[in-house]
C-alpha atoms as a PDB file:
ATOM      1  CA  MET A   1      48.651  54.046  53.745  1.00  0.00           C
ATOM      2  CA  GLY A   2      47.195  50.710  54.793  1.00  0.00           C
ATOM      3  CA  GLU A   3      45.577  49.758  51.672  1.00  0.00           C
ATOM      4  CA  VAL A   4      48.772  50.695  49.983  1.00  0.00           C
ATOM      5  CA  VAL A   5      50.245  47.496  52.611  1.00  0.00           C
ATOM      6  CA  ALA A   6      47.640  45.835  51.174  1.00  0.00           C
ATOM      7  CA  LEU A   7      47.640  45.964  47.693  1.00  0.00           C
ATOM      8  CA  VAL A   8      51.969  45.326  47.886  1.00  0.00           C
ATOM      9  CA  GLU A   9      50.930  41.962  50.507  1.00  0.00           C
ATOM     10  CA  SER A  10      47.989  40.892  48.195  1.00  0.00           C
ATOM     11  CA  GLY A  11      51.124  40.858  45.024  1.00  0.00           C
ATOM     12  CA  ALA A  12      49.015  43.472  43.242  1.00  0.00           C
ATOM     13  CA  LEU A  13      51.567  46.501  43.848  1.00  0.00           C
ATOM     14  CA  LYS A  14      55.060  46.008  43.681  1.00  0.00           C
ATOM     15  CA  ASP A  15      56.857  47.092  46.797  1.00  0.00           C
ATOM     16  CA  ARG A  16      59.180  49.252  45.141  1.00  0.00           C
ATOM     17  CA  LEU A  17      56.083  51.195  43.058  1.00  0.00           C
ATOM     18  CA  ALA A  18      54.283  51.632  46.608  1.00  0.00           C
ATOM     19  CA  ARG A  19      56.210  54.841  47.091  1.00  0.00           C
ATOM     20  CA  GLN A  20      55.182  56.530  43.772  1.00  0.00           C
ATOM     21  CA  VAL A  21      51.542  55.273  44.648  1.00  0.00           C
ATOM     22  CA  VAL A  22      51.759  57.379  48.229  1.00  0.00           C
ATOM     23  CA  GLU A  23      53.284  60.242  45.929  1.00  0.00           C
ATOM     24  CA  GLY A  24      50.156  60.258  43.751  1.00  0.00           C
ATOM     25  CA  VAL A  25      47.419  59.930  46.543  1.00  0.00           C
ATOM     26  CA  ILE A  26      49.210  62.725  48.872  1.00  0.00           C
ATOM     27  CA  ALA A  27      48.927  64.784  44.873  1.00  0.00           C
ATOM     28  CA  GLY A  28      45.387  64.197  45.005  1.00  0.00           C
ATOM     29  CA  GLU A  29      45.100  61.473  42.493  1.00  0.00           C
ATOM     30  CA  GLY A  30      42.909  59.585  44.377  1.00  0.00           C
ATOM     31  CA  SER A  31      42.436  56.141  46.719  1.00  0.00           C
ATOM     32  CA  PRO A  32      46.223  54.433  46.144  1.00  0.00           C
ATOM     33  CA  ALA A  33      43.807  51.492  43.943  1.00  0.00           C
ATOM     34  CA  GLU A  34      43.095  54.263  42.136  1.00  0.00           C
ATOM     35  CA  VAL A  35      46.432  55.777  41.526  1.00  0.00           C
ATOM     36  CA  VAL A  36      47.760  52.108  40.386  1.00  0.00           C
ATOM     37  CA  ALA A  37      45.349  52.135  37.820  1.00  0.00           C
ATOM     38  CA  ALA A  38      45.540  55.294  36.712  1.00  0.00           C
ATOM     39  CA  ARG A  39      49.511  55.068  36.293  1.00  0.00           C
ATOM     40  CA  GLY A  40      49.538  51.371  35.111  1.00  0.00           C
ATOM     41  CA  LEU A  41      51.101  50.328  38.139  1.00  0.00           C
ATOM     42  CA  GLU A  42      49.248  47.116  38.808  1.00  0.00           C
ATOM     43  CA  VAL A  43      51.317  43.637  38.507  1.00  0.00           C
ATOM     44  CA  VAL A  44      50.655  41.839  35.421  1.00  0.00           C
ATOM     45  CA  SER A  45      51.144  38.083  35.891  1.00  0.00           C
ATOM     46  CA  ASP A  46      48.849  36.994  32.799  1.00  0.00           C
ATOM     47  CA  ASP A  47      51.616  35.166  30.815  1.00  0.00           C
ATOM     48  CA  GLY A  48      48.923  36.225  27.894  1.00  0.00           C
ATOM     49  CA  ALA A  49      49.133  40.073  28.946  1.00  0.00           C
ATOM     50  CA  LEU A  50      52.820  40.024  29.013  1.00  0.00           C
ATOM     51  CA  ILE A  51      53.824  38.549  25.830  1.00  0.00           C
ATOM     52  CA  ALA A  52      51.092  40.562  23.963  1.00  0.00           C
ATOM     53  CA  ALA A  53      52.972  43.834  25.589  1.00  0.00           C
ATOM     54  CA  VAL A  54      56.240  42.684  24.761  1.00  0.00           C
ATOM     55  CA  ASP A  55      54.600  42.027  20.678  1.00  0.00           C
ATOM     56  CA  ALA A  56      53.349  45.535  20.546  1.00  0.00           C
ATOM     57  CA  ALA A  57      56.646  47.484  21.927  1.00  0.00           C
ATOM     58  CA  LEU A  58      58.568  45.432  19.035  1.00  0.00           C
ATOM     59  CA  ALA A  59      55.528  46.159  16.225  1.00  0.00           C
ATOM     60  CA  GLN A  60      56.299  49.900  17.303  1.00  0.00           C
ATOM     61  CA  GLN A  61      60.158  49.537  16.818  1.00  0.00           C
ATOM     62  CA  PRO A  62      60.755  47.190  13.838  1.00  0.00           C
ATOM     63  CA  ASP A  63      64.312  48.344  13.736  1.00  0.00           C
ATOM     64  CA  VAL A  64      65.404  47.127  17.333  1.00  0.00           C
ATOM     65  CA  LEU A  65      63.210  43.806  16.480  1.00  0.00           C
ATOM     66  CA  GLU A  66      65.766  43.296  13.755  1.00  0.00           C
ATOM     67  CA  LYS A  67      68.580  44.382  15.303  1.00  0.00           C
ATOM     68  CA  ILE A  68      67.168  41.478  18.381  1.00  0.00           C
ATOM     69  CA  ARG A  69      67.148  39.200  15.917  1.00  0.00           C
ATOM     70  CA  GLU A  70      70.714  39.533  14.744  1.00  0.00           C
ATOM     71  CA  GLY A  71      71.741  39.621  18.328  1.00  0.00           C
ATOM     72  CA  VAL A  72      72.007  43.289  19.636  1.00  0.00           C
ATOM     73  CA  ASP A  73      69.970  42.428  22.332  1.00  0.00           C
ATOM     74  CA  GLN A  74      70.807  46.197  24.021  1.00  0.00           C
ATOM     75  CA  ASP A  75      68.483  47.946  22.024  1.00  0.00           C
ATOM     76  CA  LEU A  76      65.678  45.444  24.008  1.00  0.00           C
ATOM     77  CA  GLY A  77      65.656  48.089  26.817  1.00  0.00           C
ATOM     78  CA  ARG A  78      65.041  50.921  24.463  1.00  0.00           C
ATOM     79  CA  ALA A  79      61.924  49.190  22.967  1.00  0.00           C
ATOM     80  CA  PHE A  80      60.505  48.732  26.335  1.00  0.00           C
ATOM     81  CA  ARG A  81      60.986  53.028  27.348  1.00  0.00           C
ATOM     82  CA  SER A  82      59.443  53.918  24.531  1.00  0.00           C
END
């Protein structure tokens, strides 16, 4: 549990995701750091990485991108859930 707290305090993990990490550790998925890495829960603070992730999500769904360009922004959430 201490390692999970340390990950949250260091900013590597958001506190709302800590429960998932604890569940993963209990399920035998590895240490907290291993669960964070395997599940992709680490905080991304690099603007370039965030922009690349957004670009990739939108590239996979050109119909959503077109609607965003037209001003229909409720489809934006769907692009990131895929």
